[in-house]
N, C-alpha and C. Protein backbone atom coordinates (compact mmCIF):
# COMPACT_ATOMS: atom_id res chain seq x y z
N UNK A 1 -13.78 19.76 -7.75
CA UNK A 1 -13.58 19.41 -6.37
C UNK A 1 -12.56 18.26 -6.31
N UNK A 2 -11.59 18.41 -5.45
CA UNK A 2 -10.54 17.41 -5.29
C UNK A 2 -10.78 16.61 -4.03
N UNK A 3 -10.73 15.30 -4.17
CA UNK A 3 -10.89 14.41 -3.03
C UNK A 3 -9.53 13.77 -2.75
N UNK A 4 -9.10 13.84 -1.51
CA UNK A 4 -7.80 13.29 -1.14
C UNK A 4 -7.98 12.19 -0.11
N UNK A 5 -7.45 11.01 -0.42
CA UNK A 5 -7.48 9.88 0.51
C UNK A 5 -6.05 9.45 0.81
N UNK A 6 -5.74 9.24 2.07
CA UNK A 6 -4.40 8.73 2.37
C UNK A 6 -4.22 7.33 1.80
N UNK A 7 -3.01 7.05 1.35
CA UNK A 7 -2.71 5.76 0.75
C UNK A 7 -2.92 4.63 1.75
N UNK A 8 -2.64 4.89 3.01
CA UNK A 8 -2.82 3.87 4.05
C UNK A 8 -4.29 3.48 4.16
N UNK A 9 -5.19 4.45 4.05
CA UNK A 9 -6.62 4.16 4.11
C UNK A 9 -7.05 3.29 2.92
N UNK A 10 -6.58 3.64 1.75
CA UNK A 10 -6.93 2.88 0.54
C UNK A 10 -6.41 1.45 0.65
N UNK A 11 -5.17 1.29 1.10
CA UNK A 11 -4.62 -0.06 1.27
C UNK A 11 -5.35 -0.83 2.36
N UNK A 12 -5.80 -0.14 3.40
CA UNK A 12 -6.58 -0.79 4.45
C UNK A 12 -7.91 -1.30 3.93
N UNK A 13 -8.56 -0.52 3.09
CA UNK A 13 -9.83 -0.95 2.49
C UNK A 13 -9.60 -2.16 1.58
N UNK A 14 -8.51 -2.13 0.82
CA UNK A 14 -8.20 -3.27 -0.06
C UNK A 14 -7.93 -4.52 0.78
N UNK A 15 -7.19 -4.37 1.87
CA UNK A 15 -6.90 -5.52 2.74
C UNK A 15 -8.19 -6.05 3.37
N UNK A 16 -9.06 -5.16 3.82
CA UNK A 16 -10.34 -5.59 4.41
C UNK A 16 -11.17 -6.34 3.37
N UNK A 17 -11.23 -5.80 2.15
CA UNK A 17 -12.01 -6.45 1.10
C UNK A 17 -11.43 -7.82 0.75
N UNK A 18 -10.10 -7.94 0.75
CA UNK A 18 -9.47 -9.23 0.45
C UNK A 18 -9.81 -10.25 1.53
N UNK A 19 -9.81 -9.81 2.78
CA UNK A 19 -10.14 -10.73 3.87
C UNK A 19 -11.62 -11.11 3.81
N UNK A 20 -12.46 -10.13 3.58
CA UNK A 20 -13.92 -10.34 3.60
C UNK A 20 -14.42 -11.12 2.39
N UNK A 21 -14.01 -10.72 1.19
CA UNK A 21 -14.62 -11.25 -0.02
C UNK A 21 -13.78 -12.30 -0.75
N UNK A 22 -12.47 -12.24 -0.62
CA UNK A 22 -11.62 -13.20 -1.33
C UNK A 22 -11.22 -14.38 -0.46
N UNK A 23 -11.56 -14.31 0.81
CA UNK A 23 -11.27 -15.42 1.69
C UNK A 23 -9.83 -15.48 2.16
N UNK A 24 -9.10 -14.37 2.05
CA UNK A 24 -7.74 -14.33 2.57
C UNK A 24 -7.81 -14.43 4.09
N UNK A 25 -7.01 -15.29 4.66
CA UNK A 25 -7.04 -15.46 6.11
C UNK A 25 -6.39 -14.26 6.79
N UNK A 26 -6.87 -13.93 7.96
CA UNK A 26 -6.36 -12.77 8.70
C UNK A 26 -4.88 -12.91 9.00
N UNK A 27 -4.43 -14.12 9.34
CA UNK A 27 -3.01 -14.29 9.68
C UNK A 27 -2.11 -14.01 8.48
N UNK A 28 -2.60 -14.28 7.26
CA UNK A 28 -1.82 -13.99 6.06
C UNK A 28 -1.66 -12.49 5.89
N UNK A 29 -2.74 -11.74 6.13
CA UNK A 29 -2.68 -10.29 6.04
C UNK A 29 -1.73 -9.72 7.10
N UNK A 30 -1.75 -10.29 8.29
CA UNK A 30 -0.84 -9.84 9.36
C UNK A 30 0.61 -10.12 8.98
N UNK A 31 0.87 -11.28 8.41
CA UNK A 31 2.24 -11.62 7.99
C UNK A 31 2.72 -10.65 6.92
N UNK A 32 1.86 -10.32 5.96
CA UNK A 32 2.25 -9.35 4.92
C UNK A 32 2.51 -7.98 5.52
N UNK A 33 1.69 -7.56 6.47
CA UNK A 33 1.90 -6.26 7.12
C UNK A 33 3.23 -6.24 7.88
N UNK A 34 3.52 -7.30 8.61
CA UNK A 34 4.79 -7.37 9.32
C UNK A 34 5.97 -7.40 8.35
N UNK A 35 5.82 -8.10 7.24
CA UNK A 35 6.86 -8.12 6.22
C UNK A 35 7.11 -6.72 5.67
N UNK A 36 6.04 -5.96 5.48
CA UNK A 36 6.18 -4.58 5.01
C UNK A 36 6.94 -3.71 6.00
N UNK A 37 6.65 -3.88 7.30
CA UNK A 37 7.39 -3.12 8.31
C UNK A 37 8.86 -3.51 8.32
N UNK A 38 9.15 -4.80 8.21
CA UNK A 38 10.55 -5.23 8.19
C UNK A 38 11.26 -4.76 6.93
N UNK A 39 10.56 -4.79 5.80
CA UNK A 39 11.14 -4.36 4.54
C UNK A 39 11.47 -2.87 4.54
N UNK A 40 10.72 -2.09 5.30
CA UNK A 40 10.95 -0.65 5.34
C UNK A 40 12.25 -0.29 6.03
N UNK A 41 12.87 -1.25 6.71
CA UNK A 41 14.13 -0.99 7.39
C UNK A 41 15.32 -1.60 6.66
N UNK A 42 15.14 -1.90 5.38
CA UNK A 42 16.22 -2.48 4.59
C UNK A 42 16.72 -1.47 3.58
N UNK A 43 17.67 -1.89 2.78
CA UNK A 43 18.23 -1.03 1.75
C UNK A 43 17.23 -0.79 0.61
N UNK A 44 16.17 -1.60 0.55
CA UNK A 44 15.16 -1.44 -0.50
C UNK A 44 14.15 -0.33 -0.22
N UNK A 45 14.16 0.21 0.99
CA UNK A 45 13.16 1.21 1.38
C UNK A 45 13.14 2.43 0.45
N UNK A 46 14.27 3.04 0.09
CA UNK A 46 14.21 4.19 -0.83
C UNK A 46 13.62 3.85 -2.20
N UNK A 47 13.92 2.66 -2.71
CA UNK A 47 13.36 2.26 -4.00
C UNK A 47 11.86 2.06 -3.92
N UNK A 48 11.41 1.47 -2.82
CA UNK A 48 9.97 1.27 -2.63
C UNK A 48 9.27 2.62 -2.49
N UNK A 49 9.88 3.53 -1.75
CA UNK A 49 9.29 4.86 -1.55
C UNK A 49 9.19 5.62 -2.86
N UNK A 50 10.26 5.62 -3.64
CA UNK A 50 10.20 6.36 -4.91
C UNK A 50 9.24 5.70 -5.90
N UNK A 51 9.18 4.36 -5.89
CA UNK A 51 8.23 3.68 -6.76
C UNK A 51 6.79 3.97 -6.39
N UNK A 52 6.53 4.01 -5.09
CA UNK A 52 5.18 4.33 -4.63
C UNK A 52 4.81 5.76 -4.99
N UNK A 53 5.74 6.68 -4.78
CA UNK A 53 5.47 8.09 -5.13
C UNK A 53 5.25 8.25 -6.64
N UNK A 54 6.03 7.55 -7.44
CA UNK A 54 5.84 7.63 -8.89
C UNK A 54 4.48 7.06 -9.30
N UNK A 55 4.11 5.93 -8.70
CA UNK A 55 2.80 5.34 -9.00
C UNK A 55 1.65 6.25 -8.62
N UNK A 56 1.74 6.88 -7.46
CA UNK A 56 0.70 7.82 -7.02
C UNK A 56 0.68 9.03 -7.95
N UNK A 57 1.86 9.48 -8.38
CA UNK A 57 1.91 10.60 -9.31
C UNK A 57 1.27 10.28 -10.64
N UNK A 58 1.45 9.06 -11.12
CA UNK A 58 0.82 8.65 -12.39
C UNK A 58 -0.69 8.60 -12.22
N UNK A 59 -1.16 8.05 -11.11
CA UNK A 59 -2.60 7.96 -10.88
C UNK A 59 -3.21 9.34 -10.74
N UNK A 60 -2.51 10.24 -10.07
CA UNK A 60 -3.02 11.59 -9.87
C UNK A 60 -2.84 12.49 -11.09
N UNK A 61 -2.05 12.05 -12.04
CA UNK A 61 -1.84 12.85 -13.24
C UNK A 61 -0.79 13.93 -13.06
N UNK A 62 0.04 13.82 -12.00
CA UNK A 62 1.06 14.83 -11.75
C UNK A 62 2.45 14.34 -12.13
N UNK A 63 2.52 13.15 -12.73
CA UNK A 63 3.81 12.58 -13.13
C UNK A 63 4.36 13.34 -14.32
N UNK A 64 5.65 13.71 -14.23
CA UNK A 64 6.26 14.48 -15.33
C UNK A 64 7.38 13.72 -15.95
């Protein structure tokens, strides 16, 4: 049986856990989220996308 979770959901759970258990302040998480949105509109976006896809492929075992 294959279980599929969207990456956004997994990152959301990690962010929630960091705020709840590690004591990360909410405003810090919001700043990082806004930085991610701004970064997605730069020249680095394709590199980040391919790196994320490669990382997910390694975790899923589909990396060739």
